[in-house]
Amino acid sequence: MSEAPPDPDAELIAQIGREEPGAVRSLVARKLPRLLALATRMLGDRMEAEDVAQEVFVRIWKQAARWREGEAKFDTWMHRVALNLCYDRLRGRREDPNDELPDMADPAAPPEARLEARAESERVRAALAALPARQREALVLTYYQEMSNLDAAALMGVSVDALESLLARARRNLRTQLAGGSGLGKDKS
């Protein structure tokens, strides 16, 4: 069995632990866009997503000196913290989140095309929001966060087979929802 590749964030976390100037700024520049994207998609609210990202960075700053490379990939740990904070907020508000997907319309496109693209984006956003939380989490991690199935499964605490099953059910539910059906109530896991 070959040794796992070194964690690309290990040295930066060590620098933060040693309170080296600029290390936190470098980490924020490197990780903030993905954290905001994850939290925004899970919560449906950019301001709440910013609060989650800020809390993640505070926790990183507090834990950096105790970080031990090799126990878990830093990026996996960071995503798990962000997801836990998102779920805490979702439980607190007791409602389904709306996913914030960027409008993908070309700014040079004619107004009709922009309206159609916006409507399609809203349909996808609504279909994602209607998915059960675990299915949505699996989709967000693999498609939007571009994690491998292995990393996403580890982050979710499930086997790769279980993740692939969640993804298959999520895709099926999305297809049904986008085709105008109501199949989301059938497949809750």
C-alpha atoms as a PDB file:
ATOM      1  CA  MET A   1       0.000   0.000   0.000  1.00  0.00           C
ATOM      2  CA  SER A   2       1.493   3.349  -0.985  1.00  0.00           C
ATOM      3  CA  GLU A   3       1.746   6.278   1.359  1.00  0.00           C
ATOM      4  CA  ALA A   4      -0.838   9.026   0.988  1.00  0.00           C
ATOM      5  CA  PRO A   5       0.391  12.191  -0.716  1.00  0.00           C
ATOM      6  CA  PRO A   6       1.318  15.029   1.633  1.00  0.00           C
ATOM      7  CA  ASP A   7      -1.464  17.385   2.653  1.00  0.00           C
ATOM      8  CA  PRO A   8      -1.086  20.518   0.488  1.00  0.00           C
ATOM      9  CA  ASP A   9      -2.306  22.687   3.382  1.00  0.00           C
ATOM     10  CA  ALA A  10      -0.097  21.202   6.125  1.00  0.00           C
ATOM     11  CA  GLU A  11       2.670  23.807   5.981  1.00  0.00           C
ATOM     12  CA  LEU A  12       0.225  26.709   5.913  1.00  0.00           C
ATOM     13  CA  ILE A  13      -1.628  25.318   8.952  1.00  0.00           C
ATOM     14  CA  ALA A  14       1.708  24.911  10.743  1.00  0.00           C
ATOM     15  CA  GLN A  15       2.508  28.563   9.940  1.00  0.00           C
ATOM     16  CA  ILE A  16      -0.851  29.640  11.371  1.00  0.00           C
ATOM     17  CA  GLY A  17      -0.104  27.575  14.479  1.00  0.00           C
ATOM     18  CA  ARG A  18       3.202  29.432  14.828  1.00  0.00           C
ATOM     19  CA  GLU A  19       1.317  32.731  14.344  1.00  0.00           C
ATOM     20  CA  GLU A  20       3.412  33.686  11.327  1.00  0.00           C
ATOM     21  CA  PRO A  21       2.324  36.966   9.736  1.00  0.00           C
ATOM     22  CA  GLY A  22       0.253  36.577   6.601  1.00  0.00           C
ATOM     23  CA  ALA A  23      -0.487  32.863   7.050  1.00  0.00           C
ATOM     24  CA  VAL A  24      -4.150  33.386   7.960  1.00  0.00           C
ATOM     25  CA  ARG A  25      -4.542  35.842   5.090  1.00  0.00           C
ATOM     26  CA  SER A  26      -3.081  33.244   2.687  1.00  0.00           C
ATOM     27  CA  LEU A  27      -5.404  30.541   3.989  1.00  0.00           C
ATOM     28  CA  VAL A  28      -8.450  32.794   3.687  1.00  0.00           C
ATOM     29  CA  ALA A  29      -7.480  33.716   0.122  1.00  0.00           C
ATOM     30  CA  ARG A  30      -7.076  30.030  -0.730  1.00  0.00           C
ATOM     31  CA  LYS A  31     -10.175  28.611   0.982  1.00  0.00           C
ATOM     32  CA  LEU A  32     -12.813  31.355   1.289  1.00  0.00           C
ATOM     33  CA  PRO A  33     -14.382  31.034  -2.190  1.00  0.00           C
ATOM     34  CA  ARG A  34     -15.055  27.289  -1.766  1.00  0.00           C
ATOM     35  CA  LEU A  35     -16.312  27.699   1.802  1.00  0.00           C
ATOM     36  CA  LEU A  36     -18.706  30.456   0.747  1.00  0.00           C
ATOM     37  CA  ALA A  37     -19.943  28.391  -2.187  1.00  0.00           C
ATOM     38  CA  LEU A  38     -20.559  25.362   0.028  1.00  0.00           C
ATOM     39  CA  ALA A  39     -22.323  27.289   2.789  1.00  0.00           C
ATOM     40  CA  THR A  40     -24.382  29.356   0.339  1.00  0.00           C
ATOM     41  CA  ARG A  41     -25.598  26.237  -1.449  1.00  0.00           C
ATOM     42  CA  MET A  42     -26.448  24.510   1.823  1.00  0.00           C
ATOM     43  CA  LEU A  43     -28.107  27.521   3.503  1.00  0.00           C
ATOM     44  CA  GLY A  44     -29.481  29.534   0.583  1.00  0.00           C
ATOM     45  CA  ASP A  45     -28.397  32.776   2.243  1.00  0.00           C
ATOM     46  CA  ARG A  46     -25.150  34.562   1.417  1.00  0.00           C
ATOM     47  CA  MET A  47     -25.001  36.475   4.716  1.00  0.00           C
ATOM     48  CA  GLU A  48     -25.437  33.286   6.739  1.00  0.00           C
ATOM     49  CA  ALA A  49     -22.813  31.636   4.537  1.00  0.00           C
ATOM     50  CA  GLU A  50     -20.388  34.449   5.357  1.00  0.00           C
ATOM     51  CA  ASP A  51     -21.067  33.922   9.073  1.00  0.00           C
ATOM     52  CA  VAL A  52     -20.357  30.195   8.692  1.00  0.00           C
ATOM     53  CA  ALA A  53     -17.129  30.868   6.797  1.00  0.00           C
ATOM     54  CA  GLN A  54     -16.011  33.317   9.468  1.00  0.00           C
ATOM     55  CA  GLU A  55     -16.712  30.763  12.207  1.00  0.00           C
ATOM     56  CA  VAL A  56     -14.747  28.111  10.280  1.00  0.00           C
ATOM     57  CA  PHE A  57     -11.723  30.410  10.073  1.00  0.00           C
ATOM     58  CA  VAL A  58     -11.971  31.234  13.785  1.00  0.00           C
ATOM     59  CA  ARG A  59     -11.950  27.512  14.567  1.00  0.00           C
ATOM     60  CA  ILE A  60      -8.988  26.954  12.265  1.00  0.00           C
ATOM     61  CA  TRP A  61      -7.089  29.750  13.985  1.00  0.00           C
ATOM     62  CA  LYS A  62      -7.857  28.278  17.422  1.00  0.00           C
ATOM     63  CA  GLN A  63      -6.979  24.696  16.425  1.00  0.00           C
ATOM     64  CA  ALA A  64      -3.985  25.270  14.133  1.00  0.00           C
ATOM     65  CA  ALA A  65      -1.318  24.869  16.818  1.00  0.00           C
ATOM     66  CA  ARG A  66      -2.753  21.434  17.715  1.00  0.00           C
ATOM     67  CA  TRP A  67      -3.230  20.243  14.130  1.00  0.00           C
ATOM     68  CA  ARG A  68      -1.531  16.899  13.449  1.00  0.00           C
ATOM     69  CA  GLU A  69      -0.873  16.097   9.838  1.00  0.00           C
ATOM     70  CA  GLY A  70      -1.870  12.624   8.745  1.00  0.00           C
ATOM     71  CA  GLU A  71      -4.909  12.158  10.998  1.00  0.00           C
ATOM     72  CA  ALA A  72      -7.183  13.716   8.371  1.00  0.00           C
ATOM     73  CA  LYS A  73      -6.718  15.889   5.325  1.00  0.00           C
ATOM     74  CA  PHE A  74      -7.083  19.501   6.395  1.00  0.00           C
ATOM     75  CA  ASP A  75      -9.492  20.300   3.544  1.00  0.00           C
ATOM     76  CA  THR A  76     -11.738  17.396   4.567  1.00  0.00           C
ATOM     77  CA  TRP A  77     -11.769  18.563   8.188  1.00  0.00           C
ATOM     78  CA  MET A  78     -12.515  22.151   7.135  1.00  0.00           C
ATOM     79  CA  HIS A  79     -15.451  21.043   4.950  1.00  0.00           C
ATOM     80  CA  ARG A  80     -16.819  18.868   7.779  1.00  0.00           C
ATOM     81  CA  VAL A  81     -16.710  21.835  10.164  1.00  0.00           C
ATOM     82  CA  ALA A  82     -18.485  24.018   7.591  1.00  0.00           C
ATOM     83  CA  LEU A  83     -21.159  21.382   6.953  1.00  0.00           C
ATOM     84  CA  ASN A  84     -21.736  20.885  10.685  1.00  0.00           C
ATOM     85  CA  LEU A  85     -22.182  24.632  11.143  1.00  0.00           C
ATOM     86  CA  CYS A  86     -24.608  24.716   8.197  1.00  0.00           C
ATOM     87  CA  TYR A  87     -26.645  21.856   9.654  1.00  0.00           C
ATOM     88  CA  ASP A  88     -26.714  23.604  13.033  1.00  0.00           C
ATOM     89  CA  ARG A  89     -28.191  26.676  11.359  1.00  0.00           C
ATOM     90  CA  LEU A  90     -30.668  24.625   9.339  1.00  0.00           C
ATOM     91  CA  ARG A  91     -31.871  22.841  12.463  1.00  0.00           C
ATOM     92  CA  GLY A  92     -32.186  26.203  14.162  1.00  0.00           C
ATOM     93  CA  ARG A  93     -34.496  27.600  11.526  1.00  0.00           C
ATOM     94  CA  ARG A  94     -36.449  24.351  10.979  1.00  0.00           C
ATOM     95  CA  GLU A  95     -37.082  24.961   7.317  1.00  0.00           C
ATOM     96  CA  ASP A  96     -35.695  23.682   4.048  1.00  0.00           C
ATOM     97  CA  PRO A  97     -32.795  25.726   2.695  1.00  0.00           C
ATOM     98  CA  ASN A  98     -32.740  27.306  -0.721  1.00  0.00           C
ATOM     99  CA  ASP A  99     -29.651  26.713  -2.760  1.00  0.00           C
ATOM    100  CA  GLU A 100     -28.004  29.790  -4.214  1.00  0.00           C
ATOM    101  CA  LEU A 101     -26.724  28.905  -7.644  1.00  0.00           C
ATOM    102  CA  PRO A 102     -25.184  31.623  -9.726  1.00  0.00           C
ATOM    103  CA  ASP A 103     -27.105  32.752 -12.773  1.00  0.00           C
ATOM    104  CA  MET A 104     -25.198  31.321 -15.667  1.00  0.00           C
ATOM    105  CA  ALA A 105     -26.548  33.651 -18.352  1.00  0.00           C
ATOM    106  CA  ASP A 106     -24.120  35.371 -20.681  1.00  0.00           C
ATOM    107  CA  PRO A 107     -24.276  39.116 -19.951  1.00  0.00           C
ATOM    108  CA  ALA A 108     -24.136  39.739 -23.712  1.00  0.00           C
ATOM    109  CA  ALA A 109     -27.065  37.410 -24.364  1.00  0.00           C
ATOM    110  CA  PRO A 110     -30.388  38.901 -25.427  1.00  0.00           C
ATOM    111  CA  PRO A 111     -32.895  39.603 -22.632  1.00  0.00           C
ATOM    112  CA  GLU A 112     -35.069  36.619 -23.605  1.00  0.00           C
ATOM    113  CA  ALA A 113     -32.109  34.262 -23.280  1.00  0.00           C
ATOM    114  CA  ARG A 114     -31.182  35.744 -19.890  1.00  0.00           C
ATOM    115  CA  LEU A 115     -34.773  35.322 -18.691  1.00  0.00           C
ATOM    116  CA  GLU A 116     -34.825  31.702 -19.875  1.00  0.00           C
ATOM    117  CA  ALA A 117     -31.476  30.994 -18.219  1.00  0.00           C
ATOM    118  CA  ARG A 118     -32.627  32.625 -14.998  1.00  0.00           C
ATOM    119  CA  ALA A 119     -35.852  30.581 -15.031  1.00  0.00           C
ATOM    120  CA  GLU A 120     -33.875  27.378 -15.608  1.00  0.00           C
ATOM    121  CA  SER A 121     -31.466  28.293 -12.801  1.00  0.00           C
ATOM    122  CA  GLU A 122     -34.435  28.884 -10.498  1.00  0.00           C
ATOM    123  CA  ARG A 123     -35.920  25.491 -11.431  1.00  0.00           C
ATOM    124  CA  VAL A 124     -32.623  23.760 -10.621  1.00  0.00           C
ATOM    125  CA  ARG A 125     -32.286  25.752  -7.382  1.00  0.00           C
ATOM    126  CA  ALA A 126     -35.806  24.755  -6.318  1.00  0.00           C
ATOM    127  CA  ALA A 127     -35.219  21.109  -7.247  1.00  0.00           C
ATOM    128  CA  LEU A 128     -31.977  21.031  -5.226  1.00  0.00           C
ATOM    129  CA  ALA A 129     -33.677  22.695  -2.268  1.00  0.00           C
ATOM    130  CA  ALA A 130     -36.400  20.038  -2.353  1.00  0.00           C
ATOM    131  CA  LEU A 131     -33.905  17.163  -2.090  1.00  0.00           C
ATOM    132  CA  PRO A 132     -33.436  15.426   1.247  1.00  0.00           C
ATOM    133  CA  ALA A 133     -30.449  16.943   3.081  1.00  0.00           C
ATOM    134  CA  ARG A 134     -28.071  13.987   2.626  1.00  0.00           C
ATOM    135  CA  GLN A 135     -28.746  13.806  -1.114  1.00  0.00           C
ATOM    136  CA  ARG A 136     -28.213  17.559  -1.443  1.00  0.00           C
ATOM    137  CA  GLU A 137     -24.996  17.312   0.582  1.00  0.00           C
ATOM    138  CA  ALA A 138     -23.684  14.514  -1.665  1.00  0.00           C
ATOM    139  CA  LEU A 139     -24.447  16.532  -4.818  1.00  0.00           C
ATOM    140  CA  VAL A 140     -22.970  19.759  -3.476  1.00  0.00           C
ATOM    141  CA  LEU A 141     -19.743  18.060  -2.397  1.00  0.00           C
ATOM    142  CA  THR A 142     -19.183  16.086  -5.589  1.00  0.00           C
ATOM    143  CA  TYR A 143     -20.486  18.454  -8.260  1.00  0.00           C
ATOM    144  CA  TYR A 144     -20.136  21.964  -6.896  1.00  0.00           C
ATOM    145  CA  GLN A 145     -17.192  21.461  -4.514  1.00  0.00           C
ATOM    146  CA  GLU A 146     -15.580  19.075  -7.052  1.00  0.00           C
ATOM    147  CA  MET A 147     -14.556  16.548  -4.399  1.00  0.00           C
ATOM    148  CA  SER A 148     -13.739  12.999  -5.388  1.00  0.00           C
ATOM    149  CA  ASN A 149     -16.248  10.353  -4.372  1.00  0.00           C
ATOM    150  CA  LEU A 150     -13.676   9.009  -1.913  1.00  0.00           C
ATOM    151  CA  ASP A 151     -13.194  12.410  -0.227  1.00  0.00           C
ATOM    152  CA  ALA A 152     -16.916  13.231  -0.206  1.00  0.00           C
ATOM    153  CA  ALA A 153     -17.754   9.818   1.285  1.00  0.00           C
ATOM    154  CA  ALA A 154     -15.122  10.265   4.002  1.00  0.00           C
ATOM    155  CA  LEU A 155     -16.438  13.725   4.788  1.00  0.00           C
ATOM    156  CA  MET A 156     -20.009  12.454   5.036  1.00  0.00           C
ATOM    157  CA  GLY A 157     -18.969   9.438   7.107  1.00  0.00           C
ATOM    158  CA  VAL A 158     -20.322   6.899   4.614  1.00  0.00           C
ATOM    159  CA  SER A 159     -18.807   4.322   2.283  1.00  0.00           C
ATOM    160  CA  VAL A 160     -18.149   5.188  -1.356  1.00  0.00           C
ATOM    161  CA  ASP A 161     -20.951   2.769  -2.292  1.00  0.00           C
ATOM    162  CA  ALA A 162     -23.366   4.598   0.022  1.00  0.00           C
ATOM    163  CA  LEU A 163     -22.313   7.948  -1.459  1.00  0.00           C
ATOM    164  CA  GLU A 164     -22.857   6.650  -4.988  1.00  0.00           C
ATOM    165  CA  SER A 165     -26.286   5.401  -3.935  1.00  0.00           C
ATOM    166  CA  LEU A 166     -27.130   8.853  -2.525  1.00  0.00           C
ATOM    167  CA  LEU A 167     -25.936  10.457  -5.759  1.00  0.00           C
ATOM    168  CA  ALA A 168     -27.997   8.063  -7.887  1.00  0.00           C
ATOM    169  CA  ARG A 169     -31.144   8.789  -5.839  1.00  0.00           C
ATOM    170  CA  ALA A 170     -30.423  12.518  -5.936  1.00  0.00           C
ATOM    171  CA  ARG A 171     -30.009  12.506  -9.718  1.00  0.00           C
ATOM    172  CA  ARG A 172     -33.192  10.461 -10.124  1.00  0.00           C
ATOM    173  CA  ASN A 173     -35.094  12.859  -7.855  1.00  0.00           C
ATOM    174  CA  LEU A 174     -33.731  15.884  -9.714  1.00  0.00           C
ATOM    175  CA  ARG A 175     -34.702  14.404 -13.085  1.00  0.00           C
ATOM    176  CA  THR A 176     -38.209  13.684 -11.817  1.00  0.00           C
ATOM    177  CA  GLN A 177     -38.566  17.150 -10.299  1.00  0.00           C
ATOM    178  CA  LEU A 178     -37.207  18.939 -13.377  1.00  0.00           C
ATOM    179  CA  ALA A 179     -39.465  16.868 -15.632  1.00  0.00           C
ATOM    180  CA  GLY A 180     -42.426  18.181 -13.673  1.00  0.00           C
ATOM    181  CA  GLY A 181     -43.057  15.133 -11.483  1.00  0.00           C
ATOM    182  CA  SER A 182     -43.308  15.099  -7.719  1.00  0.00           C
ATOM    183  CA  GLY A 183     -41.023  12.127  -7.044  1.00  0.00           C
ATOM    184  CA  LEU A 184     -39.123  13.808  -4.224  1.00  0.00           C
ATOM    185  CA  GLY A 185     -41.376  12.516  -1.485  1.00  0.00           C
ATOM    186  CA  LYS A 186     -40.574   8.890  -2.264  1.00  0.00           C
ATOM    187  CA  ASP A 187     -36.826   8.833  -1.729  1.00  0.00           C
ATOM    188  CA  LYS A 188     -36.013  10.513   1.592  1.00  0.00           C
ATOM    189  CA  SER A 189     -32.517   9.174   2.325  1.00  0.00           C
END
